[in-house]
Amino acid sequence: MVIFDNCLIQAPDGTNLSRCGMKKLRWYVNQGLADQVCEDPPTIRLRFEPSGRRGLDDPLLLDGKPNVCVVCGCTENLTRHHIIPYCFIKYMALEYKVDIIRDIFPLCRPCHNDYEAKSYEKRLKMADDMGVCVHGIANDEIRKVRHAMGAASALVHHKDKMPTERREELFQIVRDFIGKQEITDEDLNLVKRYKIKDREDYVNFSKFVAHGVADYNEFAKEWRTHFVDTMQPKYMPDKWKIDRLTQNVWVPARMLKQRDQ
């Protein structure tokens, strides 16, 4: 199973610039911006001088990614895994969003599921240490919300078919949740579609963590170390390092433009 195409982009003089996927390769060719010069690996040569040649000394950009699970070596049911969780990265500066390509590797589905459980335990510990809730509100409140949403949904769809006793039981759950005795169909639909993120006491855990990161290099190292210590990956590229520093990241002009729009 292939999830990284590892196609090559070359400058007009034949210098290898970066790797890309087949979709991007075909776009360049179809737009008349490049010519395909090799089939294996698929390689295109640009018809124009690129705006920059940053990263030519970075093997993590030029060597390509393995199409095997970096933990167990399996080649089936592969998924892309962000070693530094993207749920945090998406709230960080643009250069970190660009840099994470160096920390994305294949995991087979079983290994991915195994690590996500370990990652969740780490996030729970982080939330506890920071005094916030990983789900945005306290667990007992989460249970109340889910209980009320389930009751409202059942009433919206099936109240006319329910035994009277069960119907009253569900209505009472909704009454207790919204603090109102007379429940209308509109109330039921509002509770059914209840959004935790709209609550005043909601705290976006991922955003809270991201905005509190003072040193990204230490933050990234912590997550790389956690991944290696818990999963013991056997097939990581030799050039990938736990203590790699993120610095002087070149951000393409098009991404800067999109950010500023």
Protein backbone atom coordinates (compact mmCIF):
# COMPACT_ATOMS: atom_id res chain seq x y z
CA MET A 1 0.00 0.00 0.00
CA VAL A 2 1.44 3.38 -1.03
CA ILE A 3 0.53 6.54 0.89
CA PHE A 4 3.63 8.59 0.03
CA ASP A 5 4.23 8.90 -3.73
CA ASN A 6 7.73 10.33 -3.20
CA CYS A 7 7.71 12.13 -6.54
CA LEU A 8 10.61 14.52 -7.19
CA ILE A 9 10.51 18.17 -8.22
CA GLN A 10 13.62 19.49 -9.94
CA ALA A 11 14.79 22.99 -10.79
CA PRO A 12 15.43 23.77 -14.50
CA ASP A 13 19.10 22.83 -14.02
CA GLY A 14 18.16 19.36 -12.71
CA THR A 15 18.76 20.08 -9.01
CA ASN A 16 16.39 18.11 -6.80
CA LEU A 17 14.23 20.57 -4.84
CA SER A 18 11.67 18.54 -2.92
CA ARG A 19 9.33 15.57 -2.86
CA CYS A 20 5.62 15.75 -3.66
CA GLY A 21 2.57 13.64 -4.38
CA MET A 22 1.24 12.54 -7.77
CA LYS A 23 -1.60 15.06 -7.60
CA LYS A 24 0.82 17.96 -7.34
CA LEU A 25 3.10 16.48 -9.99
CA ARG A 26 0.24 16.16 -12.48
CA TRP A 27 -0.92 19.71 -11.70
CA TYR A 28 2.45 21.18 -12.63
CA VAL A 29 2.56 19.16 -15.86
CA ASN A 30 -1.06 19.92 -16.82
CA GLN A 31 -0.50 23.64 -16.22
CA GLY A 32 2.51 23.61 -18.53
CA LEU A 33 4.81 24.56 -15.66
CA ALA A 34 6.96 21.43 -15.75
CA ASP A 35 7.94 18.42 -17.82
CA GLN A 36 8.06 14.86 -16.55
CA VAL A 37 11.62 13.63 -17.01
CA CYS A 38 11.54 10.28 -15.20
CA GLU A 39 9.01 7.57 -14.39
CA ASP A 40 10.72 5.88 -11.43
CA PRO A 41 10.60 7.79 -9.24
CA PRO A 42 8.11 10.09 -10.97
CA THR A 43 10.12 13.27 -11.54
CA ILE A 44 9.27 16.64 -13.02
CA ARG A 45 11.58 19.48 -14.05
CA LEU A 46 10.22 22.99 -13.63
CA ARG A 47 10.14 25.30 -16.64
CA PHE A 48 10.76 28.31 -14.39
CA GLU A 49 13.25 29.24 -11.71
CA PRO A 50 11.60 28.66 -8.29
CA SER A 51 11.38 31.53 -5.84
CA GLY A 52 13.71 29.76 -3.43
CA ARG A 53 15.89 26.70 -3.01
CA ARG A 54 15.65 26.32 0.74
CA GLY A 55 15.88 22.83 2.20
CA LEU A 56 18.28 21.35 -0.37
CA ASP A 57 20.48 20.10 2.47
CA ASP A 58 17.56 18.53 4.37
CA PRO A 59 17.34 14.75 3.84
CA LEU A 60 13.94 14.67 5.54
CA LEU A 61 12.60 16.61 2.54
CA LEU A 62 14.60 14.99 -0.24
CA ASP A 63 15.04 11.33 0.71
CA GLY A 64 11.34 10.45 0.54
CA LYS A 65 9.16 8.63 3.06
CA PRO A 66 9.04 4.86 3.61
CA ASN A 67 5.79 3.15 2.64
CA VAL A 68 5.92 0.78 5.60
CA CYS A 69 4.69 1.16 9.15
CA VAL A 70 7.64 2.74 10.92
CA VAL A 71 6.79 0.76 14.05
CA CYS A 72 6.34 -2.81 12.81
CA GLY A 73 7.26 -2.75 9.11
CA CYS A 74 3.80 -3.76 7.89
CA THR A 75 2.90 -2.57 4.37
CA GLU A 76 -0.91 -2.94 4.60
CA ASN A 77 -3.60 -0.61 5.99
CA LEU A 78 -1.20 2.30 6.29
CA THR A 79 -2.24 5.70 7.65
CA ARG A 80 -0.45 9.02 8.00
CA HIS A 81 0.60 9.75 11.56
CA HIS A 82 1.50 13.21 12.90
CA ILE A 83 4.11 12.59 15.59
CA ILE A 84 3.47 16.09 16.94
CA PRO A 85 -0.36 16.04 17.10
CA TYR A 86 -1.95 18.28 14.49
CA CYS A 87 -4.72 19.20 16.95
CA PHE A 88 -2.07 21.43 18.58
CA ILE A 89 -0.14 22.43 15.45
CA LYS A 90 -3.23 23.91 13.78
CA TYR A 91 -3.32 26.65 16.43
CA MET A 92 0.39 27.49 16.08
CA ALA A 93 2.42 29.72 13.78
CA LEU A 94 2.50 28.97 10.06
CA GLU A 95 6.15 27.88 10.07
CA TYR A 96 5.30 24.99 12.39
CA LYS A 97 2.45 23.89 10.12
CA VAL A 98 4.96 23.82 7.25
CA ASP A 99 7.62 22.03 9.28
CA ILE A 100 5.44 19.12 10.42
CA ILE A 101 5.96 17.34 7.09
CA ARG A 102 9.25 16.21 8.63
CA ASP A 103 7.36 14.47 11.44
CA ILE A 104 4.64 12.69 9.45
CA PHE A 105 5.23 8.97 8.89
CA PRO A 106 3.22 5.86 8.04
CA LEU A 107 1.65 3.71 10.73
CA CYS A 108 -0.48 0.65 10.08
CA ARG A 109 -3.99 0.89 11.48
CA PRO A 110 -3.34 -1.41 14.51
CA CYS A 111 -0.17 0.49 15.51
CA HIS A 112 -1.92 3.82 14.92
CA ASN A 113 -4.82 2.82 17.16
CA ASP A 114 -2.39 1.55 19.78
CA TYR A 115 -0.48 4.82 19.83
CA GLU A 116 -3.60 7.00 19.84
CA ALA A 117 -4.64 5.32 23.08
CA LYS A 118 -1.23 6.10 24.59
CA SER A 119 -1.37 9.64 23.20
CA TYR A 120 -4.78 10.15 24.79
CA GLU A 121 -3.38 9.13 28.18
CA LYS A 122 -0.65 11.73 27.77
CA ARG A 123 -3.21 14.41 26.90
CA LEU A 124 -5.26 13.52 29.96
CA LYS A 125 -2.15 13.98 32.11
CA MET A 126 -1.39 17.31 30.40
CA ALA A 127 -4.96 18.51 31.00
CA ASP A 128 -4.82 17.47 34.65
CA ASP A 129 -1.48 19.26 35.16
CA MET A 130 -2.87 22.42 33.52
CA GLY A 131 -6.15 22.37 35.41
CA VAL A 132 -8.33 22.16 32.29
CA CYS A 133 -10.54 19.46 30.79
CA VAL A 134 -9.38 17.58 27.72
CA HIS A 135 -12.96 17.57 26.36
CA GLY A 136 -13.57 21.25 27.04
CA ILE A 137 -15.84 20.83 30.08
CA ALA A 138 -15.82 18.60 33.16
CA ASN A 139 -16.49 14.90 32.64
CA ASP A 140 -19.65 14.92 34.77
CA GLU A 141 -20.99 17.77 32.62
CA ILE A 142 -20.12 15.81 29.48
CA ARG A 143 -22.19 12.91 30.78
CA LYS A 144 -25.15 15.20 31.51
CA VAL A 145 -24.98 16.71 28.05
CA ARG A 146 -24.82 13.33 26.31
CA HIS A 147 -27.64 12.00 28.48
CA ALA A 148 -29.86 14.97 27.64
CA MET A 149 -29.00 14.91 23.93
CA GLY A 150 -29.84 11.21 23.77
CA ALA A 151 -33.15 11.76 25.54
CA ALA A 152 -34.07 14.69 23.28
CA SER A 153 -33.15 12.75 20.15
CA ALA A 154 -35.26 9.78 21.20
CA LEU A 155 -38.21 12.05 21.89
CA VAL A 156 -37.88 13.90 18.59
CA HIS A 157 -37.95 10.67 16.60
CA HIS A 158 -40.04 8.26 18.67
CA LYS A 159 -42.08 9.98 21.40
CA ASP A 160 -45.42 9.10 19.79
CA LYS A 161 -44.54 5.39 19.85
CA MET A 162 -43.19 5.25 23.42
CA PRO A 163 -44.92 3.95 26.50
CA THR A 164 -46.14 6.86 28.62
CA GLU A 165 -43.81 6.05 31.50
CA ARG A 166 -40.70 5.99 29.30
CA ARG A 167 -41.72 9.19 27.52
CA GLU A 168 -42.16 11.00 30.83
CA GLU A 169 -38.80 9.72 32.05
CA LEU A 170 -37.05 11.17 28.99
CA PHE A 171 -38.93 14.47 29.23
CA GLN A 172 -37.77 14.79 32.85
CA ILE A 173 -34.14 14.37 31.77
CA VAL A 174 -34.59 17.25 29.31
CA ARG A 175 -36.41 19.37 31.93
CA ASP A 176 -33.60 18.89 34.42
CA PHE A 177 -31.02 19.78 31.78
CA ILE A 178 -32.50 23.06 30.60
CA GLY A 179 -34.31 24.01 33.82
CA LYS A 180 -37.71 24.35 32.22
CA GLN A 181 -40.96 22.53 32.94
CA GLU A 182 -42.86 23.01 29.70
CA ILE A 183 -40.84 21.40 26.92
CA THR A 184 -41.67 22.28 23.31
CA ASP A 185 -40.60 20.59 20.10
CA GLU A 186 -38.23 23.51 19.57
CA ASP A 187 -36.64 22.80 22.96
CA LEU A 188 -36.16 19.16 22.04
CA ASN A 189 -34.48 20.03 18.76
CA LEU A 190 -32.21 22.57 20.46
CA VAL A 191 -31.08 20.01 23.03
CA LYS A 192 -30.66 17.35 20.36
CA ARG A 193 -28.28 19.70 18.49
CA TYR A 194 -26.62 21.03 21.63
CA LYS A 195 -23.08 22.32 21.03
CA ILE A 196 -20.67 22.07 23.93
CA LYS A 197 -18.36 24.59 22.25
CA ASP A 198 -21.01 27.30 22.67
CA ARG A 199 -20.92 27.08 26.46
CA GLU A 200 -19.32 29.92 28.42
CA ASP A 201 -17.31 27.44 30.48
CA TYR A 202 -15.93 25.62 27.43
CA VAL A 203 -12.13 25.64 27.07
CA ASN A 204 -10.61 24.44 23.81
CA PHE A 205 -7.92 22.15 25.22
CA SER A 206 -5.81 21.93 22.06
CA LYS A 207 -5.86 25.70 21.56
CA PHE A 208 -5.12 26.27 25.25
CA VAL A 209 -2.06 24.01 25.04
CA ALA A 210 -0.83 25.45 21.74
CA HIS A 211 -1.04 29.06 22.91
CA GLY A 212 0.84 28.14 26.07
CA VAL A 213 3.86 26.65 24.28
CA ALA A 214 6.87 28.86 25.01
CA ASP A 215 9.47 26.70 23.24
CA TYR A 216 8.27 24.74 20.23
CA ASN A 217 11.50 22.73 19.99
CA GLU A 218 11.00 21.40 23.50
CA PHE A 219 7.32 20.72 22.84
CA ALA A 220 8.13 18.80 19.65
CA LYS A 221 10.95 16.88 21.35
CA GLU A 222 8.57 15.86 24.14
CA TRP A 223 6.11 14.33 21.66
CA ARG A 224 8.82 12.67 19.56
CA THR A 225 10.28 11.16 22.73
CA HIS A 226 6.86 9.93 23.82
CA PHE A 227 6.28 8.26 20.45
CA VAL A 228 9.67 6.53 20.46
CA ASP A 229 9.49 5.46 24.10
CA THR A 230 5.97 4.03 23.87
CA MET A 231 6.09 2.47 20.39
CA GLN A 232 9.79 1.60 19.88
CA PRO A 233 9.65 2.19 16.09
CA LYS A 234 12.07 0.00 14.14
CA TYR A 235 11.80 1.58 10.69
CA MET A 236 12.29 5.32 11.16
CA PRO A 237 14.67 6.97 8.67
CA ASP A 238 18.19 7.25 10.09
CA LYS A 239 18.23 11.01 9.48
CA TRP A 240 15.15 11.62 11.65
CA LYS A 241 16.14 12.75 15.14
CA ILE A 242 14.18 13.28 18.34
CA ASP A 243 16.05 16.50 19.11
CA ARG A 244 15.83 18.02 15.63
CA LEU A 245 15.51 21.78 15.85
CA THR A 246 12.85 23.71 13.98
CA GLN A 247 14.45 26.92 12.83
CA ASN A 248 14.58 29.20 9.81
CA VAL A 249 11.64 27.39 8.19
CA TRP A 250 11.00 28.61 4.68
CA VAL A 251 7.30 29.31 4.13
CA PRO A 252 6.17 29.46 0.46
CA ALA A 253 4.86 32.86 -0.61
CA ARG A 254 1.48 31.34 -1.58
CA MET A 255 0.96 30.15 2.00
CA LEU A 256 1.88 33.54 3.41
CA LYS A 257 -0.62 35.08 1.00
CA GLN A 258 -3.38 32.68 2.09
CA ARG A 259 -2.65 33.40 5.76
CA ASP A 260 -2.89 37.16 5.26
CA GLN A 261 -6.15 37.09 3.29
